[in-house]
C-alpha cells in the first residue's frame, strides 16, 4: 500500500516538473505561421472519427439484427 502511495506521489511530482516542457509545445502553440486551420481540422477529425466508427458499428449490428428477426418472423 505504501509503495503505491509513493509511486503515485512520484508521478504527481514528476508531472509537475514536466509542465513547463508541455507548455512550450510548438504544435499546440497556435503560432503565426498559418497552422491554426489545419490544427483545428485535424483536432475535429480525430474527435469525430471514433464517434463515427462506433456509430457505424452500432448501425450495422442493429441493421443485421433487424434483418435476421425479419427473416425468422
Protein backbone atom coordinates (compact mmCIF):
# COMPACT_ATOMS: atom_id res chain seq x y z
CA UNK A 1 0.00 0.00 0.00
CA UNK A 2 2.79 2.40 0.89
CA UNK A 3 4.65 1.55 -2.31
CA UNK A 4 1.69 2.54 -4.46
CA UNK A 5 1.31 5.74 -2.47
CA UNK A 6 4.97 6.60 -3.08
CA UNK A 7 4.63 5.75 -6.77
CA UNK A 8 1.58 7.98 -7.08
CA UNK A 9 3.33 10.81 -5.26
CA UNK A 10 6.36 10.41 -7.52
CA UNK A 11 4.18 10.58 -10.65
CA UNK A 12 2.45 13.72 -9.42
CA UNK A 13 5.75 15.44 -8.65
CA UNK A 14 7.31 14.30 -11.92
CA UNK A 15 4.37 15.58 -13.95
CA UNK A 16 4.55 18.91 -12.14
CA UNK A 17 8.21 19.12 -13.11
CA UNK A 18 7.47 18.50 -16.79
CA UNK A 19 4.63 21.00 -17.06
CA UNK A 20 6.95 23.71 -18.38
CA UNK A 21 8.03 21.40 -21.21
CA UNK A 22 4.41 20.76 -22.12
CA UNK A 23 3.67 24.47 -22.06
CA UNK A 24 6.42 25.03 -24.61
CA UNK A 25 4.90 22.62 -27.15
CA UNK A 26 5.18 24.15 -30.63
CA UNK A 27 2.42 22.01 -32.11
CA UNK A 28 -0.34 23.33 -29.87
CA UNK A 29 1.03 26.84 -29.65
CA UNK A 30 -1.09 28.40 -32.43
CA UNK A 31 1.81 30.36 -33.82
CA UNK A 32 1.57 32.99 -36.53
CA UNK A 33 2.61 30.61 -39.30
CA UNK A 34 -0.92 29.86 -40.51
CA UNK A 35 -1.23 26.45 -38.87
CA UNK A 36 -4.43 27.24 -36.96
CA UNK A 37 -6.79 25.93 -39.65
CA UNK A 38 -5.07 22.58 -40.21
CA UNK A 39 -4.64 22.12 -36.47
CA UNK A 40 -8.34 22.67 -35.82
CA UNK A 41 -9.27 20.43 -38.77
CA UNK A 42 -7.16 17.53 -37.53
CA UNK A 43 -8.47 18.04 -33.99
CA UNK A 44 -12.05 17.84 -35.24
CA UNK A 45 -11.19 14.82 -37.38
CA UNK A 46 -9.57 12.96 -34.50
CA UNK A 47 -12.56 13.79 -32.30
CA UNK A 48 -15.19 12.67 -34.79
CA UNK A 49 -13.60 9.50 -36.20
CA UNK A 50 -14.04 7.30 -33.11
CA UNK A 51 -17.62 8.50 -32.75
CA UNK A 52 -18.33 7.72 -36.39
CA UNK A 53 -16.72 4.28 -36.11
CA UNK A 54 -18.78 3.36 -33.05
CA UNK A 55 -21.96 4.80 -34.58
CA UNK A 56 -21.35 2.89 -37.82
CA UNK A 57 -20.77 -0.35 -35.92
CA UNK A 58 -23.96 0.11 -33.89
CA UNK A 59 -25.93 0.90 -37.04
CA UNK A 60 -24.53 -2.17 -38.84
CA UNK A 61 -25.23 -4.53 -35.95
CA UNK A 62 -28.73 -3.13 -35.47
CA UNK A 63 -29.49 -3.49 -39.18
CA UNK A 64 -28.21 -7.08 -39.19
CA UNK A 65 -30.29 -7.98 -36.14
CA UNK A 66 -33.41 -6.46 -37.70
CA UNK A 67 -32.91 -8.37 -40.95
CA UNK A 68 -32.43 -11.63 -39.03
CA UNK A 69 -35.54 -11.12 -36.94
CA UNK A 70 -37.50 -10.18 -40.08
CA UNK A 71 -36.28 -13.34 -41.88
CA UNK A 72 -37.22 -15.57 -38.92
CA UNK A 73 -40.61 -13.98 -38.29
